[in-house]
N, C-alpha and C. Protein backbone atom coordinates (compact mmCIF):
# COMPACT_ATOMS: atom_id res chain seq x y z
N MET A 1 136.25 -29.62 67.73
CA MET A 1 137.36 -28.70 68.05
C MET A 1 138.42 -28.85 67.31
N ILE A 2 139.16 -27.84 67.51
CA ILE A 2 140.18 -27.38 66.81
C ILE A 2 141.28 -27.12 67.82
N GLY A 3 142.36 -27.64 67.84
CA GLY A 3 143.44 -27.58 68.27
C GLY A 3 144.37 -26.29 68.08
N ASN A 4 145.47 -26.47 68.49
CA ASN A 4 146.26 -25.17 68.00
C ASN A 4 147.34 -25.50 67.45
N ASN A 5 147.22 -24.14 66.71
CA ASN A 5 148.48 -24.32 65.65
C ASN A 5 148.15 -25.39 64.67
N VAL A 6 146.44 -25.28 64.16
CA VAL A 6 146.07 -26.34 63.14
C VAL A 6 146.36 -25.43 62.04
N GLU A 7 146.65 -26.38 60.57
CA GLU A 7 147.10 -25.67 59.14
C GLU A 7 146.05 -26.18 57.98
N PHE A 8 145.13 -25.29 58.07
CA PHE A 8 144.72 -26.34 56.26
C PHE A 8 144.83 -25.79 55.26
N GLY A 9 144.97 -26.67 54.14
CA GLY A 9 145.37 -26.24 52.76
C GLY A 9 143.53 -25.41 52.10
N ALA A 10 143.94 -24.76 50.58
CA ALA A 10 142.99 -24.47 50.54
C ALA A 10 141.89 -25.95 50.46
N HIS A 11 140.82 -25.35 50.07
CA HIS A 11 139.22 -26.47 49.59
C HIS A 11 139.43 -27.54 50.80
N VAL A 12 139.77 -27.59 52.10
CA VAL A 12 139.52 -28.42 52.77
C VAL A 12 137.70 -28.67 53.45
N VAL A 13 137.37 -29.74 53.44
CA VAL A 13 136.15 -29.97 54.11
C VAL A 13 136.37 -30.68 55.28
N VAL A 14 135.71 -30.47 56.46
CA VAL A 14 135.42 -30.77 57.69
C VAL A 14 134.63 -31.66 57.65
N ILE A 15 133.59 -32.77 57.59
CA ILE A 15 132.55 -33.21 57.72
C ILE A 15 132.13 -33.64 59.05
N GLY A 16 131.11 -33.21 59.94
CA GLY A 16 130.93 -33.87 61.11
C GLY A 16 131.54 -33.25 62.48
N PRO A 17 131.30 -33.88 63.55
CA PRO A 17 132.01 -33.99 64.76
C PRO A 17 133.26 -33.92 64.58
N VAL A 18 134.46 -33.51 64.40
CA VAL A 18 135.57 -34.39 64.91
C VAL A 18 136.41 -33.45 65.61
N THR A 19 137.76 -33.97 66.49
CA THR A 19 138.55 -33.33 66.88
C THR A 19 140.03 -33.06 66.09
N LEU A 20 140.40 -32.25 66.27
CA LEU A 20 141.77 -31.92 65.26
C LEU A 20 142.64 -31.67 66.34
N GLY A 21 143.57 -32.18 66.49
CA GLY A 21 144.81 -32.53 67.78
C GLY A 21 145.82 -31.15 67.38
N ASP A 22 146.53 -30.50 68.48
CA ASP A 22 147.46 -29.69 68.21
C ASP A 22 148.37 -29.97 67.15
N ASN A 23 148.92 -28.51 66.18
CA ASN A 23 149.84 -28.82 65.07
C ASN A 23 149.40 -29.72 64.34
N VAL A 24 148.17 -30.13 63.48
CA VAL A 24 147.93 -30.54 62.66
C VAL A 24 148.25 -30.03 61.34
N LYS A 25 149.03 -31.01 60.05
CA LYS A 25 148.29 -30.11 59.33
C LYS A 25 147.49 -30.84 57.76
N ILE A 26 146.56 -30.02 57.41
CA ILE A 26 145.88 -30.51 56.56
C ILE A 26 145.72 -30.19 55.21
N GLY A 27 146.37 -30.84 54.09
CA GLY A 27 146.47 -30.82 52.54
C GLY A 27 145.42 -30.44 51.78
N ALA A 28 145.77 -29.41 50.78
CA ALA A 28 144.44 -28.80 49.90
C ALA A 28 143.61 -30.20 49.30
N GLY A 29 142.60 -29.81 49.61
CA GLY A 29 141.20 -30.54 48.61
C GLY A 29 141.46 -31.70 49.50
N THR A 30 142.09 -31.70 51.14
CA THR A 30 141.13 -32.82 51.77
C THR A 30 140.20 -32.89 52.47
N VAL A 31 139.46 -34.03 52.50
CA VAL A 31 138.26 -34.47 53.32
C VAL A 31 138.50 -34.74 54.76
N VAL A 32 138.38 -34.37 55.78
CA VAL A 32 138.57 -35.20 57.05
C VAL A 32 137.26 -35.82 57.50
N THR A 33 136.92 -36.70 58.03
CA THR A 33 135.51 -37.48 58.60
C THR A 33 135.82 -38.06 59.68
N LYS A 34 137.02 -38.01 60.23
CA LYS A 34 137.02 -38.65 61.69
C LYS A 34 138.39 -37.84 62.66
N ASP A 35 138.73 -38.18 63.90
CA ASP A 35 139.49 -37.57 64.75
C ASP A 35 141.01 -37.34 64.37
N LEU A 36 141.64 -36.12 64.31
CA LEU A 36 143.39 -36.66 64.22
C LEU A 36 144.03 -36.43 65.28
N ALA A 37 145.02 -36.83 65.37
CA ALA A 37 145.59 -37.13 66.36
C ALA A 37 146.43 -35.44 66.22
N ALA A 38 147.06 -35.47 67.48
CA ALA A 38 148.16 -34.11 67.72
C ALA A 38 149.22 -34.33 66.61
N GLY A 39 149.56 -33.47 65.89
CA GLY A 39 151.07 -33.71 65.02
C GLY A 39 150.86 -34.33 63.77
N GLN A 40 149.82 -35.31 63.43
CA GLN A 40 149.83 -35.84 62.08
C GLN A 40 149.29 -34.77 61.17
N VAL A 41 149.81 -34.89 59.31
CA VAL A 41 149.95 -34.58 58.07
C VAL A 41 149.05 -34.99 57.33
N VAL A 42 148.12 -35.10 56.78
CA VAL A 42 147.15 -35.59 56.30
C VAL A 42 146.93 -35.08 54.94
N VAL A 43 146.35 -36.15 53.49
CA VAL A 43 146.06 -35.81 52.88
C VAL A 43 144.79 -36.67 52.11
N GLY A 44 144.07 -35.99 50.58
CA GLY A 44 143.39 -37.19 49.96
C GLY A 44 142.22 -36.84 50.37
N GLN A 45 141.65 -37.82 49.54
CA GLN A 45 140.02 -37.75 49.53
C GLN A 45 139.34 -39.36 49.22
N PRO A 46 139.05 -40.01 50.59
CA PRO A 46 139.32 -39.78 51.99
C PRO A 46 140.64 -39.14 52.41
N PHE A 47 140.62 -39.30 53.80
CA PHE A 47 142.28 -38.64 53.98
C PHE A 47 143.11 -39.81 54.34
N ARG A 48 144.54 -39.55 54.18
CA ARG A 48 145.38 -40.84 54.78
C ARG A 48 146.23 -40.31 55.20
N VAL A 49 146.82 -40.83 56.12
CA VAL A 49 148.20 -39.86 57.14
C VAL A 49 149.56 -40.13 56.68
N LEU A 50 149.86 -39.10 55.98
CA LEU A 50 150.97 -39.09 55.47
C LEU A 50 152.49 -39.39 56.65
N HIS A 51 152.14 -38.39 57.66
CA HIS A 51 153.37 -38.42 58.71
C HIS A 51 152.75 -38.07 60.28
N THR A 52 153.29 -38.42 61.12
CA THR A 52 153.18 -37.89 62.95
C THR A 52 154.51 -37.45 62.97
N HIS A 53 154.40 -36.01 63.71
CA HIS A 53 155.11 -35.12 64.19
C HIS A 53 155.32 -35.54 65.56
N ARG A 54 156.38 -36.67 65.58
CA ARG A 54 156.54 -37.32 67.54
C ARG A 54 156.63 -36.08 68.57
N GLU A 55 157.39 -35.35 68.40
CA GLU A 55 157.53 -34.10 69.21
C GLU A 55 156.33 -33.21 69.55
N MET A 56 155.68 -32.73 68.61
CA MET A 56 154.30 -31.96 68.14
C MET A 56 153.31 -32.73 69.09
N GLN A 57 153.42 -34.30 69.20
CA GLN A 57 152.34 -34.71 70.40
C GLN A 57 152.69 -34.19 71.34
N GLU A 58 153.85 -33.98 71.85
CA GLU A 58 153.72 -34.03 73.70
C GLU A 58 153.40 -32.42 73.90
């Protein structure tokens, strides 16, 4: 499931059934294998959370 206002960079890969919360930002080339909470900014292979926008979670 993909939430509202989710942004994907170029060449992002999402593997398996995952949930992407509202306002998630995924950097270019990132491989997503787990659920992401609202407002998270992630990058890398495997991904790591760079930042979580607290105001976006509400």
